[in-house]
Amino acid sequence: MAEFHNGAEAEDPFEATAVFVDGPPGYDGAAAMARAFIEEYAMMGWPRERILRLFQDPRYAGTHAVYHQRGEAFIHSLLDDVLCVAPAQEVPHA
C-alpha cells in the first residue's frame, strides 16, 4: 500500500513561494487587496470589529502588512467605504 504524507520534500519543484508583483503605474495593489478582504468578510456577515482584528493580527500576513504599512486610520477608511458608513459630521453648536 502506498504511503502518504503531508510534508513537502526538500527538492519539491511545486513548493509554495510568495512573491510581490508590481502592478501598472498608479495601481495601489495593497489597497485593492485590503478592500477585497473587507468585501469578502463583510459578505459573509462578519462585523466591522472582527474584520479589523484580521488586519491587526500579525498571524494574517496579507492583511497585517497593509495595516502595518498604511496604519489603522487607512483600514477604518476602507471599512467605512465598503460598509457604507458616512464619515462623522461636525454638528454646529446652537
N, C-alpha and C. Protein backbone atom coordinates (compact mmCIF):
# COMPACT_ATOMS: atom_id res chain seq x y z
N MET A 1 0.85 -1.17 0.00
CA MET A 1 0.00 0.00 0.00
C MET A 1 0.89 1.24 0.00
N ALA A 2 0.50 2.27 -0.75
CA ALA A 2 1.29 3.50 -0.85
C ALA A 2 1.25 4.26 0.47
N GLU A 3 2.36 4.92 0.75
CA GLU A 3 2.45 5.71 1.97
C GLU A 3 2.27 7.18 1.62
N PHE A 4 1.38 7.86 2.31
CA PHE A 4 1.11 9.27 2.04
C PHE A 4 1.61 10.13 3.18
N HIS A 5 2.08 11.32 2.86
CA HIS A 5 2.49 12.27 3.90
C HIS A 5 2.14 13.67 3.42
N ASN A 6 1.99 14.58 4.36
CA ASN A 6 1.58 15.95 4.04
C ASN A 6 2.74 16.91 3.85
N GLY A 7 3.91 16.57 4.31
CA GLY A 7 5.05 17.48 4.23
C GLY A 7 5.62 17.57 2.83
N ALA A 8 6.11 18.76 2.47
CA ALA A 8 6.76 18.95 1.17
C ALA A 8 8.18 18.42 1.26
N GLU A 9 8.65 17.85 0.18
CA GLU A 9 10.02 17.35 0.14
C GLU A 9 10.97 18.51 -0.14
N ALA A 10 12.21 18.36 0.29
CA ALA A 10 13.20 19.43 0.15
C ALA A 10 13.39 19.87 -1.29
N GLU A 11 13.30 18.96 -2.23
CA GLU A 11 13.51 19.28 -3.65
C GLU A 11 12.20 19.42 -4.42
N ASP A 12 11.11 19.68 -3.74
CA ASP A 12 9.79 19.78 -4.37
C ASP A 12 9.73 21.00 -5.29
N PRO A 13 9.56 20.81 -6.60
CA PRO A 13 9.51 21.96 -7.52
C PRO A 13 8.23 22.77 -7.38
N PHE A 14 7.24 22.25 -6.67
CA PHE A 14 5.97 22.95 -6.51
C PHE A 14 5.83 23.57 -5.12
N GLU A 15 6.95 23.81 -4.48
CA GLU A 15 6.92 24.42 -3.16
C GLU A 15 6.30 25.81 -3.26
N ALA A 16 5.37 26.11 -2.35
CA ALA A 16 4.70 27.41 -2.36
C ALA A 16 5.69 28.52 -2.03
N THR A 17 5.69 29.55 -2.84
CA THR A 17 6.56 30.69 -2.64
C THR A 17 5.76 31.96 -2.87
N ALA A 18 5.76 32.87 -1.91
CA ALA A 18 5.04 34.13 -2.06
C ALA A 18 5.98 35.17 -2.67
N VAL A 19 5.48 35.88 -3.65
CA VAL A 19 6.26 36.95 -4.27
C VAL A 19 5.35 38.16 -4.46
N PHE A 20 5.93 39.33 -4.49
CA PHE A 20 5.19 40.56 -4.75
C PHE A 20 5.38 40.93 -6.21
N VAL A 21 4.30 41.20 -6.89
CA VAL A 21 4.36 41.59 -8.30
C VAL A 21 3.82 43.00 -8.42
N ASP A 22 4.62 43.90 -8.96
CA ASP A 22 4.17 45.27 -9.17
C ASP A 22 3.05 45.31 -10.19
N GLY A 23 2.09 46.18 -9.96
CA GLY A 23 1.00 46.39 -10.91
C GLY A 23 1.36 47.53 -11.84
N PRO A 24 0.42 47.93 -12.67
CA PRO A 24 0.68 49.05 -13.57
C PRO A 24 0.88 50.35 -12.78
N PRO A 25 1.53 51.33 -13.37
CA PRO A 25 1.76 52.60 -12.68
C PRO A 25 0.45 53.20 -12.17
N GLY A 26 0.46 53.65 -10.94
CA GLY A 26 -0.72 54.26 -10.35
C GLY A 26 -1.67 53.28 -9.69
N TYR A 27 -1.45 52.00 -9.86
CA TYR A 27 -2.33 50.99 -9.27
C TYR A 27 -1.89 50.72 -7.84
N ASP A 28 -2.80 50.83 -6.90
CA ASP A 28 -2.50 50.59 -5.49
C ASP A 28 -2.94 49.18 -5.12
N GLY A 29 -2.07 48.23 -5.36
CA GLY A 29 -2.40 46.83 -5.12
C GLY A 29 -2.71 46.52 -3.67
N ALA A 30 -2.00 47.15 -2.75
CA ALA A 30 -2.24 46.89 -1.32
C ALA A 30 -3.65 47.33 -0.93
N ALA A 31 -4.07 48.49 -1.41
CA ALA A 31 -5.41 48.98 -1.10
C ALA A 31 -6.47 48.09 -1.74
N ALA A 32 -6.23 47.66 -2.97
CA ALA A 32 -7.19 46.79 -3.66
C ALA A 32 -7.32 45.45 -2.94
N MET A 33 -6.20 44.91 -2.48
CA MET A 33 -6.23 43.65 -1.76
C MET A 33 -6.98 43.81 -0.44
N ALA A 34 -6.68 44.89 0.30
CA ALA A 34 -7.34 45.12 1.58
C ALA A 34 -8.84 45.28 1.38
N ARG A 35 -9.23 46.02 0.35
CA ARG A 35 -10.64 46.22 0.06
C ARG A 35 -11.32 44.89 -0.28
N ALA A 36 -10.65 44.05 -1.05
CA ALA A 36 -11.21 42.75 -1.41
C ALA A 36 -11.41 41.89 -0.16
N PHE A 37 -10.44 41.89 0.75
CA PHE A 37 -10.60 41.15 2.01
C PHE A 37 -11.82 41.65 2.77
N ILE A 38 -11.94 42.97 2.89
CA ILE A 38 -13.06 43.55 3.64
C ILE A 38 -14.39 43.18 2.98
N GLU A 39 -14.46 43.29 1.66
CA GLU A 39 -15.70 42.95 0.95
C GLU A 39 -16.08 41.48 1.17
N GLU A 40 -15.10 40.60 1.06
CA GLU A 40 -15.37 39.16 1.22
C GLU A 40 -15.92 38.85 2.61
N TYR A 41 -15.24 39.35 3.64
CA TYR A 41 -15.67 39.04 5.00
C TYR A 41 -16.98 39.74 5.34
N ALA A 42 -17.20 40.93 4.82
CA ALA A 42 -18.47 41.62 5.04
C ALA A 42 -19.62 40.84 4.41
N MET A 43 -19.40 40.28 3.21
CA MET A 43 -20.45 39.49 2.56
C MET A 43 -20.75 38.20 3.33
N MET A 44 -19.78 37.74 4.12
CA MET A 44 -20.01 36.56 4.95
C MET A 44 -20.68 36.92 6.27
N GLY A 45 -20.93 38.21 6.47
CA GLY A 45 -21.64 38.65 7.66
C GLY A 45 -20.76 38.99 8.85
N TRP A 46 -19.45 39.09 8.63
CA TRP A 46 -18.57 39.42 9.74
C TRP A 46 -18.79 40.87 10.15
N PRO A 47 -18.82 41.17 11.45
CA PRO A 47 -18.95 42.55 11.89
C PRO A 47 -17.64 43.32 11.69
N ARG A 48 -17.76 44.61 11.66
CA ARG A 48 -16.62 45.51 11.43
C ARG A 48 -15.44 45.20 12.37
N GLU A 49 -15.72 45.03 13.64
CA GLU A 49 -14.66 44.82 14.63
C GLU A 49 -13.88 43.53 14.36
N ARG A 50 -14.58 42.51 13.92
CA ARG A 50 -13.91 41.23 13.63
C ARG A 50 -13.02 41.37 12.40
N ILE A 51 -13.49 42.09 11.39
CA ILE A 51 -12.67 42.31 10.19
C ILE A 51 -11.44 43.12 10.55
N LEU A 52 -11.61 44.15 11.37
CA LEU A 52 -10.47 44.98 11.79
C LEU A 52 -9.42 44.12 12.50
N ARG A 53 -9.87 43.17 13.32
CA ARG A 53 -8.91 42.31 14.03
C ARG A 53 -8.06 41.48 13.07
N LEU A 54 -8.59 41.13 11.89
CA LEU A 54 -7.78 40.41 10.89
C LEU A 54 -6.58 41.25 10.47
N PHE A 55 -6.79 42.55 10.36
CA PHE A 55 -5.71 43.44 9.95
C PHE A 55 -4.73 43.69 11.09
N GLN A 56 -5.22 43.69 12.31
CA GLN A 56 -4.36 43.95 13.47
C GLN A 56 -3.51 42.75 13.86
N ASP A 57 -3.94 41.57 13.51
CA ASP A 57 -3.27 40.34 13.95
C ASP A 57 -2.11 39.97 13.01
N PRO A 58 -0.88 39.95 13.52
CA PRO A 58 0.28 39.63 12.67
C PRO A 58 0.29 38.21 12.12
N ARG A 59 -0.58 37.33 12.64
CA ARG A 59 -0.64 35.97 12.10
C ARG A 59 -1.28 35.94 10.71
N TYR A 60 -1.97 37.00 10.33
CA TYR A 60 -2.58 37.10 9.00
C TYR A 60 -1.70 38.04 8.17
N ALA A 61 -0.72 37.48 7.49
CA ALA A 61 0.34 38.26 6.85
C ALA A 61 -0.17 39.28 5.83
N GLY A 62 -1.10 38.90 4.98
CA GLY A 62 -1.58 39.80 3.94
C GLY A 62 -2.28 41.02 4.50
N THR A 63 -3.25 40.79 5.38
CA THR A 63 -3.98 41.91 5.94
C THR A 63 -3.10 42.73 6.88
N HIS A 64 -2.28 42.07 7.66
CA HIS A 64 -1.44 42.79 8.62
C HIS A 64 -0.38 43.65 7.91
N ALA A 65 0.10 43.21 6.77
CA ALA A 65 1.08 44.01 6.03
C ALA A 65 0.49 45.36 5.64
N VAL A 66 -0.76 45.36 5.18
CA VAL A 66 -1.41 46.62 4.82
C VAL A 66 -1.62 47.47 6.07
N TYR A 67 -2.05 46.86 7.15
CA TYR A 67 -2.25 47.56 8.42
C TYR A 67 -0.94 48.20 8.88
N HIS A 68 0.13 47.45 8.79
CA HIS A 68 1.44 47.93 9.23
C HIS A 68 1.95 49.07 8.33
N GLN A 69 1.75 48.94 7.02
CA GLN A 69 2.25 49.95 6.07
C GLN A 69 1.41 51.23 6.08
N ARG A 70 0.10 51.08 6.16
CA ARG A 70 -0.80 52.23 5.98
C ARG A 70 -1.40 52.77 7.27
N GLY A 71 -1.45 51.94 8.30
CA GLY A 71 -1.99 52.39 9.57
C GLY A 71 -3.47 52.08 9.76
N GLU A 72 -3.89 52.19 11.00
CA GLU A 72 -5.27 51.84 11.35
C GLU A 72 -6.28 52.79 10.73
N ALA A 73 -5.94 54.08 10.62
CA ALA A 73 -6.88 55.05 10.04
C ALA A 73 -7.22 54.67 8.59
N PHE A 74 -6.24 54.16 7.85
CA PHE A 74 -6.48 53.73 6.47
C PHE A 74 -7.47 52.57 6.44
N ILE A 75 -7.30 51.61 7.34
CA ILE A 75 -8.19 50.46 7.39
C ILE A 75 -9.60 50.91 7.77
N HIS A 76 -9.70 51.81 8.75
CA HIS A 76 -11.02 52.34 9.13
C HIS A 76 -11.69 53.03 7.94
N SER A 77 -10.91 53.76 7.16
CA SER A 77 -11.46 54.44 5.99
C SER A 77 -12.01 53.44 4.98
N LEU A 78 -11.27 52.37 4.73
CA LEU A 78 -11.75 51.32 3.82
C LEU A 78 -13.00 50.64 4.38
N LEU A 79 -12.99 50.36 5.67
CA LEU A 79 -14.17 49.75 6.29
C LEU A 79 -15.39 50.66 6.14
N ASP A 80 -15.20 51.96 6.39
CA ASP A 80 -16.31 52.92 6.23
C ASP A 80 -16.84 52.89 4.80
N ASP A 81 -15.93 52.89 3.85
CA ASP A 81 -16.31 52.92 2.43
C ASP A 81 -17.05 51.65 2.03
N VAL A 82 -16.50 50.51 2.37
CA VAL A 82 -17.10 49.23 1.98
C VAL A 82 -18.42 49.00 2.71
N LEU A 83 -18.47 49.36 3.98
CA LEU A 83 -19.67 49.11 4.78
C LEU A 83 -20.67 50.27 4.70
N CYS A 84 -20.38 51.24 3.83
CA CYS A 84 -21.28 52.38 3.57
C CYS A 84 -21.57 53.19 4.83
N VAL A 85 -20.54 53.48 5.58
CA VAL A 85 -20.67 54.31 6.77
C VAL A 85 -20.28 55.73 6.39
N ALA A 86 -21.18 56.66 6.61
CA ALA A 86 -20.88 58.06 6.29
C ALA A 86 -19.87 58.58 7.30
N PRO A 87 -18.92 59.41 6.84
CA PRO A 87 -17.96 59.98 7.78
C PRO A 87 -18.67 60.84 8.81
N ALA A 88 -18.12 60.89 10.00
CA ALA A 88 -18.72 61.70 11.07
C ALA A 88 -18.73 63.16 10.67
N GLN A 89 -19.85 63.80 10.88
CA GLN A 89 -20.00 65.22 10.55
C GLN A 89 -19.99 66.01 11.85
N GLU A 90 -19.33 67.15 11.82
CA GLU A 90 -19.33 68.01 12.99
C GLU A 90 -20.68 68.70 13.09
N VAL A 91 -21.28 68.64 14.26
CA VAL A 91 -22.59 69.26 14.47
C VAL A 91 -22.36 70.66 14.98
N PRO A 92 -22.93 71.68 14.28
CA PRO A 92 -22.74 73.06 14.74
C PRO A 92 -23.46 73.28 16.08
N HIS A 93 -22.83 74.07 16.92
CA HIS A 93 -23.44 74.39 18.22
C HIS A 93 -24.44 75.50 18.03
N ALA A 94 -25.58 75.37 18.66
CA ALA A 94 -26.64 76.38 18.52
C ALA A 94 -26.46 77.51 19.49
